[in-house]
Amino acid sequence: MSELEINKELDAESEKAADNAEETKSTENENIKNEEPEAIEATSEEKPPETTDYEVLAREDMRELIAMFPHLAGKTSVAELENPLRYAALRDLGLSPREAYLATSAPIHRYDNRSHLSGAVPRRAGSASDMLGAAELASARELFADLSDREIQKLYKKVSK
């Protein structure tokens, strides 16, 4: 073979190699182009976590609390409650505003189911029923022979409270 033919063959081989290299580059570019939309779609599917606006939440809670508990009408913020940190912690745990408020506040007579017990009957102020009658005192003397009548009455008051 002549030098000219050898050069032509080498040129043809180099052109084929260059064509192959361009084909691989173009297929790689196509693959990259194909991957980019998928990558963009994957990132668009992964939404950032929603942040909670605590100021808005506190305003909504306060509106709810004022509607349920009219005595809170003068307060403008949840921070003015008796124990705002405990209230916030209970809300974060998932309690409703009503439940969190009732758990953190002092008992409210309107909502305290025992208020009717003390309101109807006033407390006794040293009535005669705090002392033993004559027959009961005689029985107590038999049981407590070593105590005087005054000590027996004192013991009875202590036990009957």
N, C-alpha and C. Protein backbone atom coordinates (compact mmCIF):
# COMPACT_ATOMS: atom_id res chain seq x y z
N MET A 1 0.83 -1.17 0.00
CA MET A 1 0.00 0.00 0.00
C MET A 1 0.88 1.23 0.00
N SER A 2 0.36 2.19 -0.65
CA SER A 2 1.13 3.41 -0.73
C SER A 2 0.81 4.27 0.46
N GLU A 3 1.63 5.24 0.60
CA GLU A 3 1.46 6.14 1.73
C GLU A 3 0.14 6.90 1.60
N LEU A 4 -0.23 7.21 0.44
CA LEU A 4 -1.45 7.95 0.21
C LEU A 4 -2.67 7.13 0.62
N GLU A 5 -2.66 5.87 0.28
CA GLU A 5 -3.76 4.99 0.66
C GLU A 5 -3.82 4.80 2.17
N ILE A 6 -2.66 4.68 2.77
CA ILE A 6 -2.61 4.49 4.24
C ILE A 6 -3.15 5.74 4.93
N ASN A 7 -2.79 6.90 4.44
CA ASN A 7 -3.28 8.15 5.03
C ASN A 7 -4.80 8.27 4.86
N LYS A 8 -5.30 7.85 3.69
CA LYS A 8 -6.74 7.90 3.45
C LYS A 8 -7.46 6.98 4.44
N GLU A 9 -6.92 5.78 4.66
CA GLU A 9 -7.53 4.85 5.60
C GLU A 9 -7.49 5.40 7.01
N LEU A 10 -6.38 5.99 7.39
CA LEU A 10 -6.26 6.57 8.72
C LEU A 10 -7.24 7.74 8.90
N ASP A 11 -7.36 8.54 7.85
CA ASP A 11 -8.31 9.65 7.91
C ASP A 11 -9.74 9.14 8.04
N ALA A 12 -10.04 8.08 7.31
CA ALA A 12 -11.39 7.50 7.36
C ALA A 12 -11.67 6.94 8.76
N GLU A 13 -10.67 6.27 9.31
CA GLU A 13 -10.85 5.72 10.67
C GLU A 13 -11.01 6.83 11.71
N SER A 14 -10.24 7.89 11.56
CA SER A 14 -10.34 8.99 12.52
C SER A 14 -11.69 9.70 12.39
N GLU A 15 -12.20 9.79 11.15
CA GLU A 15 -13.50 10.40 10.96
C GLU A 15 -14.60 9.54 11.59
N LYS A 16 -14.45 8.21 11.44
CA LYS A 16 -15.42 7.31 12.07
C LYS A 16 -15.36 7.46 13.59
N ALA A 17 -14.15 7.56 14.14
CA ALA A 17 -14.00 7.71 15.58
C ALA A 17 -14.60 9.04 16.05
N ALA A 18 -14.38 10.08 15.25
CA ALA A 18 -14.94 11.39 15.60
C ALA A 18 -16.46 11.34 15.54
N ASP A 19 -17.00 10.66 14.50
CA ASP A 19 -18.45 10.53 14.40
C ASP A 19 -19.01 9.76 15.60
N ASN A 20 -18.32 8.67 15.97
CA ASN A 20 -18.75 7.88 17.13
C ASN A 20 -18.71 8.73 18.41
N ALA A 21 -17.67 9.53 18.54
CA ALA A 21 -17.55 10.38 19.72
C ALA A 21 -18.68 11.40 19.75
N GLU A 22 -19.02 11.98 18.59
CA GLU A 22 -20.11 12.94 18.55
C GLU A 22 -21.45 12.28 18.86
N GLU A 23 -21.62 11.04 18.37
CA GLU A 23 -22.86 10.32 18.66
C GLU A 23 -23.00 10.05 20.16
N THR A 24 -21.90 9.63 20.77
CA THR A 24 -21.97 9.37 22.21
C THR A 24 -22.23 10.65 22.99
N LYS A 25 -21.61 11.75 22.55
CA LYS A 25 -21.86 13.02 23.22
C LYS A 25 -23.31 13.44 23.06
N SER A 26 -23.84 13.28 21.87
CA SER A 26 -25.23 13.68 21.64
C SER A 26 -26.19 12.80 22.43
N THR A 27 -25.91 11.50 22.51
CA THR A 27 -26.78 10.64 23.32
C THR A 27 -26.65 10.97 24.80
N GLU A 28 -25.46 11.30 25.25
CA GLU A 28 -25.28 11.71 26.65
C GLU A 28 -26.03 13.01 26.91
N ASN A 29 -25.95 13.96 25.97
CA ASN A 29 -26.68 15.22 26.13
C ASN A 29 -28.18 14.99 26.16
N GLU A 30 -28.65 14.08 25.30
CA GLU A 30 -30.08 13.76 25.31
C GLU A 30 -30.47 13.13 26.64
N ASN A 31 -29.62 12.24 27.15
CA ASN A 31 -29.90 11.62 28.44
C ASN A 31 -29.95 12.68 29.55
N ILE A 32 -29.01 13.60 29.48
CA ILE A 32 -28.99 14.66 30.49
C ILE A 32 -30.23 15.53 30.35
N LYS A 33 -30.58 15.86 29.12
CA LYS A 33 -31.78 16.67 28.90
C LYS A 33 -33.01 15.93 29.40
N ASN A 34 -33.04 14.64 29.19
CA ASN A 34 -34.17 13.84 29.66
C ASN A 34 -34.20 13.77 31.18
N GLU A 35 -33.05 13.76 31.80
CA GLU A 35 -33.00 13.65 33.26
C GLU A 35 -33.35 14.97 33.92
N GLU A 36 -33.02 16.07 33.30
CA GLU A 36 -33.26 17.35 33.93
C GLU A 36 -34.74 17.60 34.24
N PRO A 37 -35.66 17.33 33.32
CA PRO A 37 -37.07 17.53 33.69
C PRO A 37 -37.49 16.61 34.83
N GLU A 38 -36.97 15.40 34.83
CA GLU A 38 -37.31 14.49 35.92
C GLU A 38 -36.76 15.03 37.23
N ALA A 39 -35.54 15.54 37.18
CA ALA A 39 -34.96 16.11 38.40
C ALA A 39 -35.77 17.31 38.86
N ILE A 40 -36.21 18.13 37.90
CA ILE A 40 -37.02 19.29 38.25
C ILE A 40 -38.36 18.84 38.83
N GLU A 41 -38.95 17.81 38.22
CA GLU A 41 -40.22 17.30 38.73
C GLU A 41 -40.04 16.73 40.13
N ALA A 42 -38.93 16.03 40.35
CA ALA A 42 -38.69 15.45 41.67
C ALA A 42 -38.54 16.54 42.71
N THR A 43 -37.87 17.62 42.37
CA THR A 43 -37.73 18.69 43.35
C THR A 43 -39.03 19.44 43.55
N SER A 44 -39.85 19.53 42.51
CA SER A 44 -41.13 20.22 42.68
C SER A 44 -42.09 19.38 43.52
N GLU A 45 -41.95 18.06 43.48
CA GLU A 45 -42.78 17.19 44.32
C GLU A 45 -42.40 17.31 45.78
N GLU A 46 -41.13 17.54 46.05
CA GLU A 46 -40.66 17.68 47.42
C GLU A 46 -40.89 19.11 47.86
N LYS A 47 -42.06 19.38 48.40
CA LYS A 47 -42.40 20.72 48.83
C LYS A 47 -41.74 20.97 50.19
N PRO A 48 -41.32 22.19 50.42
CA PRO A 48 -40.75 22.48 51.74
C PRO A 48 -41.84 22.38 52.79
N PRO A 49 -41.48 21.99 54.00
CA PRO A 49 -42.50 21.84 55.04
C PRO A 49 -43.16 23.19 55.33
N GLU A 50 -44.46 23.13 55.54
CA GLU A 50 -45.20 24.35 55.80
C GLU A 50 -44.84 24.88 57.17
N THR A 51 -44.59 26.15 57.26
CA THR A 51 -44.28 26.76 58.54
C THR A 51 -45.57 27.26 59.17
N THR A 52 -45.64 27.19 60.47
CA THR A 52 -46.82 27.60 61.19
C THR A 52 -46.66 29.06 61.61
N ASP A 53 -47.63 29.86 61.29
CA ASP A 53 -47.62 31.25 61.71
C ASP A 53 -48.31 31.32 63.07
N TYR A 54 -47.51 31.39 64.13
CA TYR A 54 -48.04 31.32 65.48
C TYR A 54 -48.84 32.56 65.87
N GLU A 55 -48.54 33.69 65.25
CA GLU A 55 -49.31 34.89 65.55
C GLU A 55 -50.76 34.73 65.08
N VAL A 56 -50.92 34.20 63.89
CA VAL A 56 -52.27 33.97 63.36
C VAL A 56 -52.99 32.94 64.21
N LEU A 57 -52.29 31.88 64.56
CA LEU A 57 -52.87 30.83 65.38
C LEU A 57 -53.29 31.37 66.75
N ALA A 58 -52.45 32.22 67.34
CA ALA A 58 -52.77 32.81 68.65
C ALA A 58 -53.99 33.71 68.56
N ARG A 59 -54.11 34.49 67.48
CA ARG A 59 -55.29 35.35 67.31
C ARG A 59 -56.56 34.53 67.16
N GLU A 60 -56.48 33.46 66.37
CA GLU A 60 -57.65 32.60 66.19
C GLU A 60 -58.04 31.94 67.52
N ASP A 61 -57.04 31.48 68.27
CA ASP A 61 -57.31 30.86 69.57
C ASP A 61 -57.98 31.85 70.51
N MET A 62 -57.48 33.07 70.54
CA MET A 62 -58.04 34.08 71.44
C MET A 62 -59.47 34.40 71.07
N ARG A 63 -59.77 34.50 69.77
CA ARG A 63 -61.15 34.73 69.33
C ARG A 63 -62.05 33.59 69.81
N GLU A 64 -61.57 32.38 69.67
CA GLU A 64 -62.34 31.21 70.11
C GLU A 64 -62.56 31.23 71.61
N LEU A 65 -61.50 31.54 72.36
CA LEU A 65 -61.60 31.56 73.82
C LEU A 65 -62.55 32.65 74.30
N ILE A 66 -62.51 33.82 73.69
CA ILE A 66 -63.41 34.90 74.09
C ILE A 66 -64.85 34.52 73.80
N ALA A 67 -65.09 33.80 72.71
CA ALA A 67 -66.45 33.36 72.40
C ALA A 67 -66.95 32.36 73.44
N MET A 68 -66.07 31.50 73.93
CA MET A 68 -66.47 30.49 74.92
C MET A 68 -66.48 31.01 76.35
N PHE A 69 -65.53 31.90 76.65
CA PHE A 69 -65.37 32.42 78.01
C PHE A 69 -65.44 33.95 77.98
N PRO A 70 -66.63 34.51 78.20
CA PRO A 70 -66.80 35.96 78.08
C PRO A 70 -65.94 36.78 79.03
N HIS A 71 -65.52 36.21 80.15
CA HIS A 71 -64.70 36.97 81.10
C HIS A 71 -63.31 37.29 80.53
N LEU A 72 -62.94 36.71 79.39
CA LEU A 72 -61.65 37.00 78.75
C LEU A 72 -61.75 38.16 77.75
N ALA A 73 -62.89 38.80 77.67
CA ALA A 73 -63.12 39.82 76.64
C ALA A 73 -62.10 40.95 76.68
N GLY A 74 -61.54 41.29 77.82
CA GLY A 74 -60.57 42.37 77.91
C GLY A 74 -59.18 42.00 77.43
N LYS A 75 -58.92 40.74 77.29
CA LYS A 75 -57.58 40.28 76.89
C LYS A 75 -57.46 40.31 75.37
N THR A 76 -56.28 40.68 74.90
CA THR A 76 -56.08 40.79 73.46
C THR A 76 -55.18 39.70 72.90
N SER A 77 -54.49 38.98 73.77
CA SER A 77 -53.53 37.99 73.30
C SER A 77 -53.52 36.78 74.21
N VAL A 78 -53.12 35.66 73.66
CA VAL A 78 -52.98 34.43 74.45
C VAL A 78 -51.87 34.60 75.48
N ALA A 79 -50.93 35.49 75.21
CA ALA A 79 -49.82 35.74 76.14
C ALA A 79 -50.31 36.34 77.45
N GLU A 80 -51.52 36.89 77.49
CA GLU A 80 -52.08 37.48 78.70
C GLU A 80 -52.80 36.46 79.58
N LEU A 81 -52.85 35.21 79.16
CA LEU A 81 -53.50 34.18 79.97
C LEU A 81 -52.67 33.90 81.21
N GLU A 82 -53.23 33.13 82.15
CA GLU A 82 -52.54 32.86 83.41
C GLU A 82 -51.20 32.15 83.21
N ASN A 83 -51.18 31.16 82.34
CA ASN A 83 -49.95 30.40 82.11
C ASN A 83 -49.78 30.19 80.61
N PRO A 84 -49.28 31.21 79.89
CA PRO A 84 -49.24 31.12 78.43
C PRO A 84 -48.28 30.06 77.90
N LEU A 85 -47.19 29.81 78.60
CA LEU A 85 -46.24 28.79 78.12
C LEU A 85 -46.84 27.40 78.19
N ARG A 86 -47.53 27.11 79.29
CA ARG A 86 -48.17 25.80 79.43
C ARG A 86 -49.30 25.66 78.40
N TYR A 87 -50.04 26.75 78.18
CA TYR A 87 -51.10 26.76 77.18
C TYR A 87 -50.52 26.42 75.81
N ALA A 88 -49.42 27.06 75.44
CA ALA A 88 -48.79 26.81 74.14
C ALA A 88 -48.31 25.38 74.03
N ALA A 89 -47.74 24.85 75.11
CA ALA A 89 -47.25 23.46 75.09
C ALA A 89 -48.41 22.49 74.89
N LEU A 90 -49.53 22.74 75.55
CA LEU A 90 -50.69 21.86 75.40
C LEU A 90 -51.28 21.97 74.01
N ARG A 91 -51.29 23.17 73.43
CA ARG A 91 -51.78 23.33 72.05
C ARG A 91 -50.89 22.57 71.08
N ASP A 92 -49.57 22.62 71.31
CA ASP A 92 -48.64 21.88 70.44
C ASP A 92 -48.86 20.38 70.54
N LEU A 93 -49.34 19.92 71.68
CA LEU A 93 -49.62 18.49 71.85
C LEU A 93 -50.92 18.07 71.17
N GLY A 94 -51.71 19.06 70.73
CA GLY A 94 -52.92 18.72 69.98
C GLY A 94 -54.21 19.00 70.71
N LEU A 95 -54.18 19.60 71.90
CA LEU A 95 -55.41 19.93 72.60
C LEU A 95 -56.10 21.09 71.90
N SER A 96 -57.40 21.14 72.04
CA SER A 96 -58.16 22.26 71.47
C SER A 96 -57.91 23.49 72.34
N PRO A 97 -58.22 24.69 71.82
CA PRO A 97 -58.03 25.89 72.64
C PRO A 97 -58.80 25.82 73.96
N ARG A 98 -60.03 25.31 73.92
CA ARG A 98 -60.84 25.20 75.14
C ARG A 98 -60.17 24.27 76.16
N GLU A 99 -59.74 23.09 75.70
CA GLU A 99 -59.11 22.13 76.60
C GLU A 99 -57.82 22.68 77.19
N ALA A 100 -57.00 23.32 76.36
CA ALA A 100 -55.74 23.87 76.84
C ALA A 100 -55.98 24.99 77.84
N TYR A 101 -56.99 25.84 77.59
CA TYR A 101 -57.29 26.93 78.52
C TYR A 101 -57.78 26.38 79.85
N LEU A 102 -58.70 25.45 79.81
CA LEU A 102 -59.23 24.89 81.06
C LEU A 102 -58.15 24.16 81.85
N ALA A 103 -57.20 23.55 81.16
CA ALA A 103 -56.12 22.84 81.85
C ALA A 103 -55.13 23.79 82.49
N THR A 104 -55.03 25.01 81.98
CA THR A 104 -54.03 25.94 82.51
C THR A 104 -54.60 27.03 83.40
N SER A 105 -55.91 27.17 83.47
CA SER A 105 -56.48 28.26 84.26
C SER A 105 -57.03 27.73 85.58
N ALA A 106 -57.25 28.66 86.49
CA ALA A 106 -57.85 28.31 87.78
C ALA A 106 -59.30 27.92 87.53
N PRO A 107 -59.90 27.15 88.40
CA PRO A 107 -61.30 26.75 88.19
C PRO A 107 -62.21 27.98 88.08
N ILE A 108 -63.11 27.93 87.15
CA ILE A 108 -64.07 29.00 86.94
C ILE A 108 -65.37 28.54 87.55
N HIS A 109 -65.95 29.35 88.43
CA HIS A 109 -67.14 28.92 89.15
C HIS A 109 -68.29 28.54 88.22
N ARG A 110 -68.39 29.24 87.10
CA ARG A 110 -69.48 28.92 86.18
C ARG A 110 -69.31 27.52 85.60
N TYR A 111 -68.07 27.11 85.40
CA TYR A 111 -67.80 25.81 84.79
C TYR A 111 -67.40 24.76 85.81
N ASP A 112 -67.24 25.17 87.07
CA ASP A 112 -66.86 24.23 88.12
C ASP A 112 -68.15 23.56 88.61
N ASN A 113 -68.23 22.27 88.45
CA ASN A 113 -69.48 21.57 88.77
C ASN A 113 -69.71 21.41 90.27
N ARG A 114 -68.78 21.88 91.13
CA ARG A 114 -68.98 21.77 92.57
C ARG A 114 -69.46 23.07 93.19
N SER A 115 -69.58 24.13 92.42
CA SER A 115 -69.93 25.43 92.98
C SER A 115 -71.33 25.42 93.61
N HIS A 116 -72.21 24.58 93.14
CA HIS A 116 -73.57 24.53 93.68
C HIS A 116 -73.58 23.99 95.11
N LEU A 117 -72.55 23.27 95.51
CA LEU A 117 -72.53 22.69 96.84
C LEU A 117 -72.33 23.74 97.92
N SER A 118 -71.48 24.71 97.67
CA SER A 118 -71.20 25.71 98.69
C SER A 118 -72.13 26.92 98.56
N GLY A 119 -72.72 27.13 97.43
CA GLY A 119 -73.57 28.31 97.24
C GLY A 119 -74.92 28.21 97.92
N ALA A 120 -75.50 27.05 98.02
CA ALA A 120 -76.86 26.90 98.55
C ALA A 120 -76.89 26.89 100.07
N VAL A 121 -75.93 26.25 100.68
CA VAL A 121 -75.93 26.11 102.13
C VAL A 121 -74.68 26.79 102.68
N PRO A 122 -74.84 27.86 103.46
CA PRO A 122 -73.66 28.51 104.01
C PRO A 122 -72.99 27.63 105.06
N ARG A 123 -71.74 27.90 105.28
CA ARG A 123 -70.97 27.12 106.26
C ARG A 123 -71.49 27.43 107.67
N ARG A 124 -71.54 26.38 108.48
CA ARG A 124 -72.01 26.55 109.85
C ARG A 124 -71.01 27.37 110.65
N ALA A 125 -71.52 28.13 111.56
CA ALA A 125 -70.66 28.95 112.41
C ALA A 125 -70.84 28.51 113.86
N GLY A 126 -70.24 27.43 114.26
CA GLY A 126 -70.24 26.96 115.66
C GLY A 126 -71.63 26.70 116.22
N SER A 127 -72.38 25.85 115.59
CA SER A 127 -73.72 25.55 116.08
C SER A 127 -73.65 24.55 117.23
N ALA A 128 -74.77 24.30 117.85
CA ALA A 128 -74.84 23.39 119.00
C ALA A 128 -74.58 21.95 118.58
N SER A 129 -74.72 21.66 117.29
CA SER A 129 -74.50 20.28 116.84
C SER A 129 -73.02 19.90 116.88
N ASP A 130 -72.15 20.90 117.15
CA ASP A 130 -70.74 20.60 117.28
C ASP A 130 -70.41 19.97 118.63
N MET A 131 -71.41 19.89 119.49
CA MET A 131 -71.18 19.35 120.84
C MET A 131 -72.02 18.10 121.04
N LEU A 132 -71.54 17.24 121.91
CA LEU A 132 -72.27 16.02 122.23
C LEU A 132 -73.47 16.35 123.12
N GLY A 133 -74.57 15.62 122.87
CA GLY A 133 -75.74 15.77 123.75
C GLY A 133 -75.48 15.05 125.06
N ALA A 134 -76.40 15.18 126.01
CA ALA A 134 -76.24 14.60 127.35
C ALA A 134 -76.12 13.08 127.29
N ALA A 135 -76.97 12.42 126.49
CA ALA A 135 -76.94 10.96 126.40
C ALA A 135 -75.64 10.49 125.73
N GLU A 136 -75.22 11.19 124.69
CA GLU A 136 -73.98 10.83 124.00
C GLU A 136 -72.77 11.06 124.90
N LEU A 137 -72.81 12.15 125.69
CA LEU A 137 -71.71 12.45 126.60
C LEU A 137 -71.59 11.36 127.66
N ALA A 138 -72.73 10.86 128.16
CA ALA A 138 -72.70 9.78 129.15
C ALA A 138 -72.08 8.52 128.54
N SER A 139 -72.41 8.20 127.30
CA SER A 139 -71.82 7.04 126.63
C SER A 139 -70.32 7.24 126.43
N ALA A 140 -69.93 8.45 126.08
CA ALA A 140 -68.51 8.75 125.84
C ALA A 140 -67.72 8.67 127.13
N ARG A 141 -68.36 9.05 128.30
CA ARG A 141 -67.67 8.95 129.59
C ARG A 141 -67.32 7.51 129.91
N GLU A 142 -68.20 6.57 129.53
CA GLU A 142 -67.93 5.16 129.79
C GLU A 142 -66.74 4.69 128.96
N LEU A 143 -66.64 5.16 127.71
CA LEU A 143 -65.53 4.76 126.85
C LEU A 143 -64.21 5.44 127.24
N PHE A 144 -64.30 6.73 127.59
CA PHE A 144 -63.11 7.50 127.93
C PHE A 144 -63.19 7.93 129.39
N ALA A 145 -63.05 7.00 130.28
CA ALA A 145 -63.19 7.27 131.72
C ALA A 145 -62.10 8.19 132.23
N ASP A 146 -60.96 8.16 131.64
CA ASP A 146 -59.84 8.97 132.11
C ASP A 146 -59.87 10.42 131.61
N LEU A 147 -60.80 10.79 130.69
CA LEU A 147 -60.90 12.13 130.15
C LEU A 147 -62.04 12.91 130.81
N SER A 148 -61.86 14.21 130.94
CA SER A 148 -62.91 15.07 131.49
C SER A 148 -63.95 15.34 130.39
N ASP A 149 -65.10 15.94 130.79
CA ASP A 149 -66.15 16.27 129.82
C ASP A 149 -65.63 17.25 128.76
N ARG A 150 -64.86 18.24 129.21
CA ARG A 150 -64.31 19.23 128.27
C ARG A 150 -63.39 18.56 127.25
N GLU A 151 -62.54 17.62 127.68
CA GLU A 151 -61.62 16.91 126.77
C GLU A 151 -62.39 16.01 125.81
N ILE A 152 -63.48 15.41 126.29
CA ILE A 152 -64.31 14.58 125.42
C ILE A 152 -64.96 15.45 124.34
N GLN A 153 -65.49 16.64 124.73
CA GLN A 153 -66.10 17.56 123.76
C GLN A 153 -65.05 18.02 122.73
N LYS A 154 -63.86 18.29 123.21
CA LYS A 154 -62.78 18.73 122.32
C LYS A 154 -62.43 17.63 121.33
N LEU A 155 -62.35 16.39 121.82
CA LEU A 155 -62.06 15.23 120.97
C LEU A 155 -63.18 15.03 119.93
N TYR A 156 -64.44 15.21 120.36
CA TYR A 156 -65.57 15.05 119.44
C TYR A 156 -65.52 16.10 118.32
N LYS A 157 -65.22 17.35 118.67
CA LYS A 157 -65.11 18.40 117.65
C LYS A 157 -64.02 18.09 116.65
N LYS A 158 -62.91 17.57 117.17
CA LYS A 158 -61.77 17.25 116.32
C LYS A 158 -62.12 16.13 115.34
N VAL A 159 -62.86 15.15 115.82
CA VAL A 159 -63.20 13.98 115.00
C VAL A 159 -64.37 14.28 114.05
N SER A 160 -65.29 15.13 114.42
CA SER A 160 -66.49 15.36 113.62
C SER A 160 -66.30 16.37 112.50
N LYS A 161 -65.19 17.02 112.40
CA LYS A 161 -64.96 18.00 111.31
C LYS A 161 -64.86 17.36 109.98
